[in-house]
Amino acid sequence: MSKKRLLAIIVLSATLAATGAVAHVTHEPLDAANRGIAEQGDAEEAVIRRLLEQFRTVIPLSQAVAIAEHLHDGSKAADVNFEISGPPVYRVRTIRNERIWENVIDAKTGSVTESETSSSLRELDQEDLGNIIALRSVEQKLSDAVRIAEKAAEGSALSANLMKQNGKLNFVVLIANGDGLKEVMLEPPKVTRGKTARH
């Protein structure tokens, strides 16, 4: 039996007065039948179901971010992803000055599970480096974006990353909402002259 559901996209644009950020929420049904390959859609649905089942029993993403940021005083998260290739973990990259650290946080216990990797910003590829540099020019932290996205999409964050689109830096947050996933894109306000960043 072939699936004929069309890709449903709901874009919710809301100006969030408290932070000046704009959130765009995109919802996609779990199946990929619109791609024309039913088997691929079934496989994708199974992966998403497994991901959501694992995610229901773990610590919040915001807690994993806080743990990683506390490993290096003054650092802030650049991206975080929930992974289930083995035991569920959060992979968090944090930055401070010219250093970037990657830590793997056990998603069940909150403990650091693997050896930390550390590198210089100069070792990043052009796109990642551009995103990190742009992150310094905005008022919002990744953890703020996660909080806003969870409220806008009424769910819990699975991942949060930086992405440049049309020359603007955006936070892209993937939200688990019931049995589905929603993508929230936030355009953070830039730091204005003579004004300190809000935390």
Protein backbone atom coordinates (compact mmCIF):
# COMPACT_ATOMS: atom_id res chain seq x y z
CA MET A 1 0.00 0.00 0.00
CA SER A 2 1.67 3.24 -1.12
CA LYS A 3 1.65 6.34 0.99
CA LYS A 4 0.27 9.44 -0.68
CA ARG A 5 0.62 12.02 2.08
CA LEU A 6 2.07 15.24 0.79
CA LEU A 7 4.87 16.94 2.61
CA ALA A 8 3.14 19.22 5.07
CA ILE A 9 5.00 22.33 6.02
CA ILE A 10 3.66 24.66 8.62
CA VAL A 11 5.70 27.77 9.12
CA LEU A 12 5.00 29.61 12.30
CA SER A 13 6.63 33.02 12.40
CA ALA A 14 6.57 34.66 15.77
CA THR A 15 8.47 37.66 16.96
CA LEU A 16 9.73 36.90 20.42
CA ALA A 17 9.73 40.28 22.08
CA ALA A 18 11.84 39.27 25.07
CA THR A 19 14.86 38.44 22.93
CA GLY A 20 14.18 40.05 19.57
CA ALA A 21 14.66 36.66 17.87
CA VAL A 22 12.35 35.41 15.15
CA ALA A 23 11.39 31.73 15.21
CA HIS A 24 10.28 29.75 12.17
CA VAL A 25 8.86 26.29 12.97
CA THR A 26 8.72 23.67 10.22
CA HIS A 27 6.86 20.39 10.76
CA GLU A 28 7.42 17.39 8.53
CA PRO A 29 5.45 14.13 8.87
CA LEU A 30 7.53 11.07 9.68
CA ASP A 31 7.15 9.41 6.28
CA ALA A 32 9.21 10.22 3.21
CA ALA A 33 6.66 8.98 0.66
CA ASN A 34 6.83 12.34 -1.08
CA ARG A 35 10.30 11.29 -2.22
CA GLY A 36 8.70 8.49 -4.21
CA ILE A 37 10.41 5.56 -2.46
CA ALA A 38 8.15 3.82 0.05
CA GLU A 39 10.90 1.58 1.43
CA GLN A 40 13.11 4.56 2.15
CA GLY A 41 10.17 6.22 3.90
CA ASP A 42 9.58 3.16 6.06
CA ALA A 43 13.27 2.98 7.00
CA GLU A 44 13.32 6.67 7.85
CA GLU A 45 10.19 6.30 9.99
CA ALA A 46 11.77 3.40 11.88
CA VAL A 47 14.92 5.43 12.59
CA ILE A 48 12.89 8.40 13.81
CA ARG A 49 10.71 6.16 16.01
CA ARG A 50 13.82 4.59 17.55
CA LEU A 51 15.37 8.04 18.06
CA LEU A 52 12.23 9.35 19.79
CA GLU A 53 11.93 6.23 21.99
CA GLN A 54 15.53 6.65 23.19
CA PHE A 55 15.07 10.40 23.63
CA ARG A 56 12.12 10.02 26.03
CA THR A 57 14.40 8.59 28.74
CA VAL A 58 17.34 11.01 28.71
CA ILE A 59 18.40 14.24 30.39
CA PRO A 60 17.35 17.46 28.65
CA LEU A 61 19.64 18.83 25.96
CA SER A 62 19.97 22.10 27.92
CA GLN A 63 21.47 20.14 30.84
CA ALA A 64 24.07 18.54 28.54
CA VAL A 65 24.97 22.01 27.21
CA ALA A 66 25.40 23.35 30.75
CA ILE A 67 27.62 20.38 31.69
CA ALA A 68 29.86 20.94 28.65
CA GLU A 69 30.07 24.71 29.19
CA HIS A 70 31.11 24.20 32.83
CA LEU A 71 34.09 22.08 31.74
CA HIS A 72 35.77 25.28 30.48
CA ASP A 73 34.88 28.47 32.34
CA GLY A 74 33.63 31.17 30.03
CA SER A 75 33.03 28.83 27.08
CA LYS A 76 29.75 28.74 25.20
CA ALA A 77 28.13 26.03 23.12
CA ALA A 78 28.39 26.24 19.34
CA ASP A 79 26.39 23.08 18.59
CA VAL A 80 24.95 19.99 20.23
CA ASN A 81 23.54 16.77 18.78
CA PHE A 82 21.73 13.76 20.25
CA GLU A 83 23.17 10.48 18.93
CA ILE A 84 22.03 6.86 19.28
CA SER A 85 24.64 4.92 17.27
CA GLY A 86 25.58 3.29 20.60
CA PRO A 87 24.35 4.23 24.07
CA PRO A 88 22.50 7.57 23.74
CA VAL A 89 24.82 10.58 24.05
CA TYR A 90 24.93 14.31 23.40
CA ARG A 91 27.92 15.52 21.39
CA VAL A 92 28.59 19.15 22.40
CA ARG A 93 31.09 21.59 20.90
CA THR A 94 31.99 24.62 23.01
CA ILE A 95 34.21 27.60 22.22
CA ARG A 96 36.22 30.20 24.11
CA ASN A 97 38.62 32.63 22.46
CA GLU A 98 40.54 30.64 19.83
CA ARG A 99 39.84 27.14 21.24
CA ILE A 100 37.06 24.70 20.49
CA TRP A 101 36.31 21.59 22.54
CA GLU A 102 34.14 18.59 21.75
CA ASN A 103 32.73 16.54 24.60
CA VAL A 104 30.48 13.50 24.62
CA ILE A 105 27.92 13.58 27.44
CA ASP A 106 26.10 10.41 28.48
CA ALA A 107 22.45 11.22 27.80
CA LYS A 108 21.23 9.03 30.67
CA THR A 109 23.61 10.10 33.45
CA GLY A 110 25.09 13.44 32.38
CA SER A 111 28.66 12.18 32.80
CA VAL A 112 31.44 12.87 30.29
CA THR A 113 31.95 9.52 28.52
CA GLU A 114 34.83 9.93 26.08
CA SER A 115 38.12 11.77 25.93
CA GLU A 116 37.68 15.40 25.09
CA THR A 117 39.00 16.66 21.77
CA SER A 118 40.42 20.14 21.55
CA SER A 119 41.52 22.18 18.56
CA SER A 120 42.18 25.68 17.36
CA LEU A 121 39.55 27.63 15.47
CA ARG A 122 42.07 27.81 12.62
CA GLU A 123 41.66 24.06 12.14
CA LEU A 124 37.94 24.39 11.29
CA ASP A 125 36.68 24.37 7.74
CA GLN A 126 35.65 27.70 6.20
CA GLU A 127 31.91 27.26 6.87
CA ASP A 128 32.30 26.28 10.54
CA LEU A 129 34.81 29.05 11.14
CA GLY A 130 32.46 31.59 9.57
CA ASN A 131 29.60 30.44 11.80
CA ILE A 132 31.73 30.64 14.95
CA ILE A 133 32.92 34.14 14.07
CA ALA A 134 29.31 35.19 13.39
CA LEU A 135 28.25 33.72 16.75
CA ARG A 136 30.41 36.33 18.47
CA SER A 137 28.37 39.13 16.88
CA VAL A 138 24.98 38.08 18.26
CA GLU A 139 23.37 38.66 21.65
CA GLN A 140 21.89 35.21 22.06
CA LYS A 141 23.58 32.05 23.28
CA LEU A 142 22.76 28.61 21.89
CA SER A 143 21.11 27.69 25.20
CA ASP A 144 18.79 30.73 24.84
CA ALA A 145 17.85 29.60 21.33
CA VAL A 146 17.06 26.09 22.63
CA ARG A 147 14.76 27.49 25.32
CA ILE A 148 12.92 29.70 22.81
CA ALA A 149 12.59 26.88 20.25
CA GLU A 150 11.23 24.43 22.84
CA LYS A 151 8.57 26.95 23.82
CA ALA A 152 7.68 27.84 20.21
CA ALA A 153 7.40 24.21 19.08
CA GLU A 154 6.02 22.86 22.38
CA GLY A 155 8.56 20.05 22.67
CA SER A 156 12.10 19.10 23.70
CA ALA A 157 15.27 19.82 21.73
CA LEU A 158 17.22 16.96 20.11
CA SER A 159 19.91 19.10 18.51
CA ALA A 160 20.92 22.73 18.06
CA ASN A 161 23.33 24.00 15.43
CA LEU A 162 24.52 27.14 13.67
CA MET A 163 23.72 27.72 10.02
CA LYS A 164 24.27 30.66 7.73
CA GLN A 165 21.47 31.35 5.27
CA ASN A 166 21.44 34.33 2.91
CA GLY A 167 24.43 35.75 4.76
CA LYS A 168 22.67 35.65 8.14
CA LEU A 169 23.50 33.40 11.07
CA ASN A 170 20.63 31.26 12.33
CA PHE A 171 20.24 28.80 15.15
CA VAL A 172 18.57 25.61 13.86
CA VAL A 173 16.96 23.56 16.62
CA LEU A 174 15.37 20.14 16.04
CA ILE A 175 12.46 19.55 18.41
CA ALA A 176 10.80 16.26 19.41
CA ASN A 177 7.07 16.92 19.65
CA GLY A 178 4.91 13.88 20.38
CA ASP A 179 5.63 11.36 17.60
CA GLY A 180 7.06 13.93 15.23
CA LEU A 181 9.97 16.24 14.68
CA LYS A 182 9.90 19.99 14.13
CA GLU A 183 12.70 22.22 12.96
CA VAL A 184 12.88 25.70 14.48
CA MET A 185 15.07 28.34 12.89
CA LEU A 186 15.89 31.42 14.93
CA GLU A 187 17.58 34.54 13.67
CA PRO A 188 19.29 35.99 16.74
CA PRO A 189 19.51 39.75 17.29
CA LYS A 190 22.93 41.26 16.67
CA VAL A 191 24.90 43.00 19.40
CA THR A 192 24.29 46.72 19.06
CA ARG A 193 27.00 49.28 19.75
CA GLY A 194 27.08 50.69 23.23
CA LYS A 195 25.01 47.77 24.50
CA THR A 196 26.22 44.64 26.24
CA ALA A 197 24.93 41.23 25.33
CA ARG A 198 22.03 39.90 27.44
CA HIS A 199 22.64 36.57 29.15
